[in-house]
Amino acid sequence: MANIKDPYPGDVNPKDLLGIKKAPIHLVPPALVIQTAPALADGARKYGAYNWREKPVKLSIYLAAAQRHIMAYWDGEELSADAKVNHLAHASACLAIIFDAAAIGKLVDDRPTPGGASSLLAAQDGTA
């Protein structure tokens, strides 16, 4: 990259003043996007691309799927048996769908009544 002289020496570029307030997309590692894409493509083949935008989806279904993929990975299995895609990529795809469905009002939040997990975890690590 060429070394370009700062056109606003000692000053702030006006675009920076706006850009600094936006989501820091540059902090999302490209590896996350690259690894997650095959999992989303697998889902698109099975269920249709962006199917969660067409009909409401239940949080519990996608959260449970993400947890199953994480457990399989934790248990030593790198790739899903059917798609041969990294289990963590599948989990990431599930979370991406949750975020996207929530953003467009298609997520059915079917979580149970809040329990005491936060308090129990805080008590274990001494932050309670």
N, C-alpha and C. Protein backbone atom coordinates (compact mmCIF):
# COMPACT_ATOMS: atom_id res chain seq x y z
N MET A 1 0.84 -1.18 0.00
CA MET A 1 0.00 0.00 0.00
C MET A 1 0.89 1.23 0.00
N ALA A 2 0.53 2.19 -0.84
CA ALA A 2 1.32 3.41 -0.95
C ALA A 2 1.18 4.24 0.32
N ASN A 3 2.26 4.94 0.65
CA ASN A 3 2.24 5.81 1.81
C ASN A 3 1.73 7.17 1.34
N ILE A 4 0.48 7.48 1.67
CA ILE A 4 -0.15 8.71 1.21
C ILE A 4 -0.13 9.74 2.33
N LYS A 5 0.25 10.97 1.96
CA LYS A 5 0.29 12.05 2.95
C LYS A 5 -1.13 12.33 3.45
N ASP A 6 -1.27 12.51 4.74
CA ASP A 6 -2.56 12.80 5.36
C ASP A 6 -3.08 14.14 4.85
N PRO A 7 -4.24 14.14 4.14
CA PRO A 7 -4.77 15.41 3.63
C PRO A 7 -5.34 16.30 4.71
N TYR A 8 -5.49 15.76 5.91
CA TYR A 8 -6.01 16.53 7.04
C TYR A 8 -5.01 16.51 8.18
N PRO A 9 -3.80 17.03 7.98
CA PRO A 9 -2.80 16.95 9.05
C PRO A 9 -3.28 17.65 10.31
N GLY A 10 -3.16 16.93 11.43
CA GLY A 10 -3.57 17.49 12.71
C GLY A 10 -5.08 17.63 12.85
N ASP A 11 -5.80 17.11 11.89
CA ASP A 11 -7.26 17.22 11.90
C ASP A 11 -7.84 15.84 11.66
N VAL A 12 -9.11 15.72 11.76
CA VAL A 12 -9.78 14.44 11.55
C VAL A 12 -10.57 14.52 10.25
N ASN A 13 -10.45 13.50 9.44
CA ASN A 13 -11.24 13.42 8.22
C ASN A 13 -12.71 13.41 8.59
N PRO A 14 -13.55 14.21 7.94
CA PRO A 14 -14.97 14.26 8.29
C PRO A 14 -15.66 12.89 8.15
N LYS A 15 -15.23 12.07 7.22
CA LYS A 15 -15.81 10.73 7.07
C LYS A 15 -15.51 9.89 8.31
N ASP A 16 -14.33 10.08 8.91
CA ASP A 16 -13.97 9.34 10.12
C ASP A 16 -14.94 9.61 11.25
N LEU A 17 -15.40 10.84 11.35
CA LEU A 17 -16.32 11.21 12.43
C LEU A 17 -17.63 10.44 12.34
N LEU A 18 -18.05 10.12 11.13
CA LEU A 18 -19.26 9.31 10.93
C LEU A 18 -18.93 7.82 10.98
N GLY A 19 -17.86 7.44 10.32
CA GLY A 19 -17.50 6.03 10.22
C GLY A 19 -17.20 5.38 11.55
N ILE A 20 -16.65 6.13 12.48
CA ILE A 20 -16.29 5.59 13.79
C ILE A 20 -17.52 5.15 14.58
N LYS A 21 -18.70 5.69 14.23
CA LYS A 21 -19.93 5.37 14.93
C LYS A 21 -20.63 4.13 14.37
N LYS A 22 -20.15 3.60 13.28
CA LYS A 22 -20.80 2.46 12.62
C LYS A 22 -20.24 1.14 13.15
N ALA A 23 -20.94 0.07 12.84
CA ALA A 23 -20.49 -1.26 13.26
C ALA A 23 -19.08 -1.51 12.73
N PRO A 24 -18.16 -1.95 13.59
CA PRO A 24 -16.76 -2.18 13.17
C PRO A 24 -16.61 -3.50 12.41
N ILE A 25 -17.17 -3.53 11.21
CA ILE A 25 -17.19 -4.75 10.39
C ILE A 25 -15.77 -5.27 10.14
N HIS A 26 -14.81 -4.37 10.09
CA HIS A 26 -13.43 -4.78 9.83
C HIS A 26 -12.87 -5.69 10.92
N LEU A 27 -13.55 -5.76 12.07
CA LEU A 27 -13.08 -6.62 13.15
C LEU A 27 -13.58 -8.06 13.03
N VAL A 28 -14.55 -8.31 12.14
CA VAL A 28 -15.02 -9.68 11.92
C VAL A 28 -13.98 -10.39 11.07
N PRO A 29 -13.38 -11.46 11.60
CA PRO A 29 -12.34 -12.15 10.83
C PRO A 29 -12.90 -12.74 9.53
N PRO A 30 -12.23 -12.50 8.42
CA PRO A 30 -12.67 -13.08 7.16
C PRO A 30 -12.83 -14.60 7.23
N ALA A 31 -12.03 -15.26 8.06
CA ALA A 31 -12.12 -16.72 8.19
C ALA A 31 -13.52 -17.13 8.64
N LEU A 32 -14.18 -16.32 9.47
CA LEU A 32 -15.53 -16.64 9.92
C LEU A 32 -16.49 -16.66 8.73
N VAL A 33 -16.42 -15.64 7.90
CA VAL A 33 -17.29 -15.56 6.73
C VAL A 33 -16.98 -16.69 5.75
N ILE A 34 -15.72 -16.92 5.50
CA ILE A 34 -15.30 -17.94 4.53
C ILE A 34 -15.71 -19.34 5.00
N GLN A 35 -15.52 -19.63 6.29
CA GLN A 35 -15.87 -20.95 6.83
C GLN A 35 -17.38 -21.14 6.95
N THR A 36 -18.11 -20.07 7.23
CA THR A 36 -19.55 -20.17 7.43
C THR A 36 -20.30 -20.32 6.11
N ALA A 37 -19.78 -19.76 5.04
CA ALA A 37 -20.46 -19.79 3.74
C ALA A 37 -20.82 -21.21 3.28
N PRO A 38 -19.92 -22.21 3.37
CA PRO A 38 -20.31 -23.56 2.95
C PRO A 38 -21.45 -24.15 3.78
N ALA A 39 -21.52 -23.80 5.05
CA ALA A 39 -22.61 -24.29 5.90
C ALA A 39 -23.93 -23.66 5.46
N LEU A 40 -23.91 -22.36 5.15
CA LEU A 40 -25.11 -21.70 4.67
C LEU A 40 -25.50 -22.23 3.28
N ALA A 41 -24.51 -22.55 2.45
CA ALA A 41 -24.80 -23.13 1.13
C ALA A 41 -25.43 -24.51 1.28
N ASP A 42 -24.97 -25.28 2.25
CA ASP A 42 -25.57 -26.59 2.52
C ASP A 42 -27.03 -26.42 2.92
N GLY A 43 -27.30 -25.48 3.80
CA GLY A 43 -28.67 -25.20 4.20
C GLY A 43 -29.52 -24.71 3.04
N ALA A 44 -28.94 -23.91 2.16
CA ALA A 44 -29.67 -23.40 0.99
C ALA A 44 -30.08 -24.56 0.08
N ARG A 45 -29.17 -25.53 -0.09
CA ARG A 45 -29.51 -26.71 -0.92
C ARG A 45 -30.64 -27.52 -0.30
N LYS A 46 -30.60 -27.65 1.02
CA LYS A 46 -31.59 -28.49 1.71
C LYS A 46 -32.94 -27.80 1.88
N TYR A 47 -32.92 -26.51 2.24
CA TYR A 47 -34.15 -25.84 2.67
C TYR A 47 -34.52 -24.61 1.84
N GLY A 48 -33.61 -24.19 0.96
CA GLY A 48 -33.82 -22.98 0.18
C GLY A 48 -33.04 -21.82 0.77
N ALA A 49 -32.46 -21.03 -0.12
CA ALA A 49 -31.67 -19.88 0.33
C ALA A 49 -32.56 -18.88 1.06
N TYR A 50 -32.09 -18.39 2.16
CA TYR A 50 -32.80 -17.39 2.96
C TYR A 50 -34.20 -17.83 3.36
N ASN A 51 -34.38 -19.12 3.56
CA ASN A 51 -35.71 -19.64 3.92
C ASN A 51 -36.26 -19.02 5.20
N TRP A 52 -35.38 -18.65 6.10
CA TRP A 52 -35.82 -18.05 7.38
C TRP A 52 -36.40 -16.65 7.18
N ARG A 53 -36.20 -16.08 6.02
CA ARG A 53 -36.80 -14.77 5.75
C ARG A 53 -38.22 -14.90 5.21
N GLU A 54 -38.56 -16.09 4.78
CA GLU A 54 -39.89 -16.33 4.23
C GLU A 54 -40.92 -16.66 5.31
N LYS A 55 -40.54 -17.51 6.24
CA LYS A 55 -41.44 -17.97 7.30
C LYS A 55 -40.75 -17.74 8.64
N PRO A 56 -41.51 -17.53 9.69
CA PRO A 56 -40.91 -17.38 11.02
C PRO A 56 -40.14 -18.63 11.43
N VAL A 57 -39.07 -18.44 12.16
CA VAL A 57 -38.26 -19.56 12.66
C VAL A 57 -38.17 -19.48 14.17
N LYS A 58 -38.12 -20.64 14.81
CA LYS A 58 -38.04 -20.71 16.26
C LYS A 58 -36.59 -20.64 16.72
N LEU A 59 -36.36 -19.78 17.69
CA LEU A 59 -35.03 -19.66 18.29
C LEU A 59 -34.54 -21.00 18.80
N SER A 60 -35.42 -21.75 19.47
CA SER A 60 -35.01 -23.02 20.08
C SER A 60 -34.46 -24.02 19.05
N ILE A 61 -35.01 -24.03 17.87
CA ILE A 61 -34.57 -24.97 16.83
C ILE A 61 -33.14 -24.66 16.41
N TYR A 62 -32.87 -23.39 16.14
CA TYR A 62 -31.53 -23.01 15.66
C TYR A 62 -30.50 -23.02 16.78
N LEU A 63 -30.92 -22.66 17.99
CA LEU A 63 -29.99 -22.71 19.11
C LEU A 63 -29.61 -24.15 19.44
N ALA A 64 -30.59 -25.05 19.39
CA ALA A 64 -30.30 -26.47 19.65
C ALA A 64 -29.39 -27.04 18.57
N ALA A 65 -29.62 -26.67 17.32
CA ALA A 65 -28.76 -27.14 16.22
C ALA A 65 -27.33 -26.64 16.43
N ALA A 66 -27.19 -25.36 16.79
CA ALA A 66 -25.85 -24.81 17.04
C ALA A 66 -25.17 -25.57 18.18
N GLN A 67 -25.92 -25.85 19.23
CA GLN A 67 -25.35 -26.58 20.37
C GLN A 67 -24.94 -28.00 19.98
N ARG A 68 -25.74 -28.68 19.15
CA ARG A 68 -25.37 -30.03 18.70
C ARG A 68 -24.08 -29.99 17.90
N HIS A 69 -23.94 -29.00 17.02
CA HIS A 69 -22.71 -28.90 16.23
C HIS A 69 -21.51 -28.59 17.11
N ILE A 70 -21.69 -27.73 18.09
CA ILE A 70 -20.59 -27.41 19.00
C ILE A 70 -20.20 -28.64 19.81
N MET A 71 -21.19 -29.40 20.28
CA MET A 71 -20.88 -30.62 21.05
C MET A 71 -20.16 -31.65 20.18
N ALA A 72 -20.59 -31.81 18.94
CA ALA A 72 -19.92 -32.76 18.05
C ALA A 72 -18.47 -32.34 17.83
N TYR A 73 -18.25 -31.05 17.62
CA TYR A 73 -16.89 -30.55 17.45
C TYR A 73 -16.07 -30.77 18.72
N TRP A 74 -16.67 -30.44 19.86
CA TRP A 74 -15.99 -30.61 21.14
C TRP A 74 -15.63 -32.08 21.37
N ASP A 75 -16.48 -32.96 20.89
CA ASP A 75 -16.27 -34.39 21.07
C ASP A 75 -15.28 -34.97 20.06
N GLY A 76 -14.69 -34.14 19.23
CA GLY A 76 -13.62 -34.59 18.34
C GLY A 76 -13.98 -34.75 16.88
N GLU A 77 -15.21 -34.48 16.51
CA GLU A 77 -15.60 -34.60 15.10
C GLU A 77 -15.48 -33.24 14.43
N GLU A 78 -14.60 -33.14 13.46
CA GLU A 78 -14.38 -31.86 12.78
C GLU A 78 -15.50 -31.50 11.82
N LEU A 79 -15.90 -32.47 10.97
CA LEU A 79 -16.84 -32.20 9.89
C LEU A 79 -18.16 -32.92 10.11
N SER A 80 -19.24 -32.30 9.67
CA SER A 80 -20.55 -32.94 9.75
C SER A 80 -20.56 -34.15 8.81
N ALA A 81 -21.25 -35.20 9.22
CA ALA A 81 -21.28 -36.43 8.44
C ALA A 81 -21.95 -36.23 7.08
N ASP A 82 -23.01 -35.44 7.03
CA ASP A 82 -23.75 -35.30 5.78
C ASP A 82 -23.11 -34.30 4.81
N ALA A 83 -22.79 -33.11 5.28
CA ALA A 83 -22.30 -32.06 4.40
C ALA A 83 -20.78 -31.99 4.29
N LYS A 84 -20.09 -32.65 5.21
CA LYS A 84 -18.62 -32.57 5.26
C LYS A 84 -18.15 -31.13 5.42
N VAL A 85 -18.88 -30.39 6.26
CA VAL A 85 -18.56 -29.00 6.57
C VAL A 85 -18.23 -28.93 8.06
N ASN A 86 -17.29 -28.08 8.41
CA ASN A 86 -16.86 -27.93 9.79
C ASN A 86 -18.06 -27.67 10.70
N HIS A 87 -18.11 -28.39 11.80
CA HIS A 87 -19.22 -28.24 12.74
C HIS A 87 -19.33 -26.81 13.28
N LEU A 88 -18.20 -26.16 13.52
CA LEU A 88 -18.26 -24.79 14.02
C LEU A 88 -18.84 -23.84 12.97
N ALA A 89 -18.62 -24.15 11.70
CA ALA A 89 -19.21 -23.35 10.62
C ALA A 89 -20.73 -23.53 10.63
N HIS A 90 -21.19 -24.75 10.86
CA HIS A 90 -22.63 -24.98 10.98
C HIS A 90 -23.21 -24.20 12.16
N ALA A 91 -22.51 -24.24 13.29
CA ALA A 91 -22.98 -23.50 14.47
C ALA A 91 -23.02 -22.00 14.16
N SER A 92 -22.00 -21.51 13.49
CA SER A 92 -21.95 -20.10 13.11
C SER A 92 -23.10 -19.74 12.18
N ALA A 93 -23.42 -20.64 11.25
CA ALA A 93 -24.55 -20.41 10.34
C ALA A 93 -25.86 -20.33 11.12
N CYS A 94 -26.02 -21.19 12.10
CA CYS A 94 -27.22 -21.15 12.94
C CYS A 94 -27.34 -19.80 13.64
N LEU A 95 -26.24 -19.31 14.19
CA LEU A 95 -26.26 -18.02 14.88
C LEU A 95 -26.53 -16.88 13.90
N ALA A 96 -25.96 -16.98 12.70
CA ALA A 96 -26.21 -15.95 11.68
C ALA A 96 -27.69 -15.88 11.33
N ILE A 97 -28.31 -17.05 11.22
CA ILE A 97 -29.75 -17.10 10.91
C ILE A 97 -30.56 -16.49 12.04
N ILE A 98 -30.17 -16.78 13.28
CA ILE A 98 -30.86 -16.19 14.43
C ILE A 98 -30.78 -14.67 14.38
N PHE A 99 -29.58 -14.14 14.16
CA PHE A 99 -29.41 -12.69 14.09
C PHE A 99 -30.23 -12.09 12.95
N ASP A 100 -30.16 -12.72 11.78
CA ASP A 100 -30.86 -12.17 10.62
C ASP A 100 -32.37 -12.24 10.80
N ALA A 101 -32.86 -13.37 11.28
CA ALA A 101 -34.31 -13.52 11.49
C ALA A 101 -34.80 -12.51 12.53
N ALA A 102 -34.02 -12.29 13.57
CA ALA A 102 -34.41 -11.30 14.59
C ALA A 102 -34.44 -9.90 13.99
N ALA A 103 -33.47 -9.60 13.12
CA ALA A 103 -33.38 -8.26 12.53
C ALA A 103 -34.58 -7.93 11.64
N ILE A 104 -35.21 -8.96 11.07
CA ILE A 104 -36.34 -8.70 10.17
C ILE A 104 -37.68 -9.11 10.77
N GLY A 105 -37.66 -9.42 12.06
CA GLY A 105 -38.91 -9.74 12.74
C GLY A 105 -39.47 -11.12 12.44
N LYS A 106 -38.60 -12.05 12.03
CA LYS A 106 -39.06 -13.41 11.72
C LYS A 106 -38.64 -14.43 12.77
N LEU A 107 -38.01 -13.99 13.86
CA LEU A 107 -37.56 -14.91 14.90
C LEU A 107 -38.65 -15.05 15.97
N VAL A 108 -39.02 -16.29 16.23
CA VAL A 108 -39.96 -16.59 17.31
C VAL A 108 -39.12 -16.90 18.54
N ASP A 109 -39.15 -16.00 19.50
CA ASP A 109 -38.35 -16.17 20.72
C ASP A 109 -39.13 -17.08 21.66
N ASP A 110 -38.80 -18.36 21.60
CA ASP A 110 -39.51 -19.35 22.42
C ASP A 110 -38.67 -19.84 23.59
N ARG A 111 -37.80 -18.94 24.08
CA ARG A 111 -37.02 -19.29 25.27
C ARG A 111 -37.96 -19.48 26.45
N PRO A 112 -37.55 -20.33 27.40
CA PRO A 112 -38.37 -20.48 28.61
C PRO A 112 -38.27 -19.23 29.49
N THR A 113 -39.09 -19.20 30.51
CA THR A 113 -39.01 -18.13 31.50
C THR A 113 -37.58 -18.09 32.03
N PRO A 114 -37.00 -16.90 32.20
CA PRO A 114 -35.61 -16.83 32.66
C PRO A 114 -35.39 -17.60 33.96
N GLY A 115 -34.25 -18.26 34.00
CA GLY A 115 -33.88 -19.04 35.18
C GLY A 115 -32.73 -18.38 35.91
N GLY A 116 -31.98 -19.19 36.63
CA GLY A 116 -30.92 -18.66 37.47
C GLY A 116 -29.52 -18.89 36.96
N ALA A 117 -29.36 -19.21 35.67
CA ALA A 117 -28.03 -19.53 35.14
C ALA A 117 -27.01 -18.41 35.40
N SER A 118 -27.40 -17.16 35.13
CA SER A 118 -26.45 -16.05 35.33
C SER A 118 -25.96 -15.97 36.77
N SER A 119 -26.88 -16.13 37.72
CA SER A 119 -26.50 -16.08 39.14
C SER A 119 -25.61 -17.24 39.52
N LEU A 120 -25.95 -18.43 38.99
CA LEU A 120 -25.14 -19.61 39.30
C LEU A 120 -23.74 -19.48 38.74
N LEU A 121 -23.62 -18.99 37.52
CA LEU A 121 -22.30 -18.81 36.91
C LEU A 121 -21.51 -17.74 37.65
N ALA A 122 -22.15 -16.65 38.02
CA ALA A 122 -21.47 -15.60 38.76
C ALA A 122 -20.98 -16.10 40.10
N ALA A 123 -21.78 -16.94 40.76
CA ALA A 123 -21.37 -17.49 42.05
C ALA A 123 -20.16 -18.40 41.90
N GLN A 124 -20.10 -19.13 40.80
CA GLN A 124 -18.97 -20.03 40.58
C GLN A 124 -17.67 -19.30 40.32
N ASP A 125 -17.75 -18.16 39.62
CA ASP A 125 -16.51 -17.46 39.30
C ASP A 125 -16.21 -16.32 40.27
N GLY A 126 -17.04 -16.19 41.30
CA GLY A 126 -16.76 -15.20 42.35
C GLY A 126 -17.18 -13.79 42.02
N THR A 127 -17.97 -13.58 40.97
CA THR A 127 -18.39 -12.21 40.63
C THR A 127 -19.75 -11.87 41.21
N ALA A 128 -20.33 -12.79 41.95
CA ALA A 128 -21.68 -12.54 42.51
C ALA A 128 -21.59 -11.62 43.70
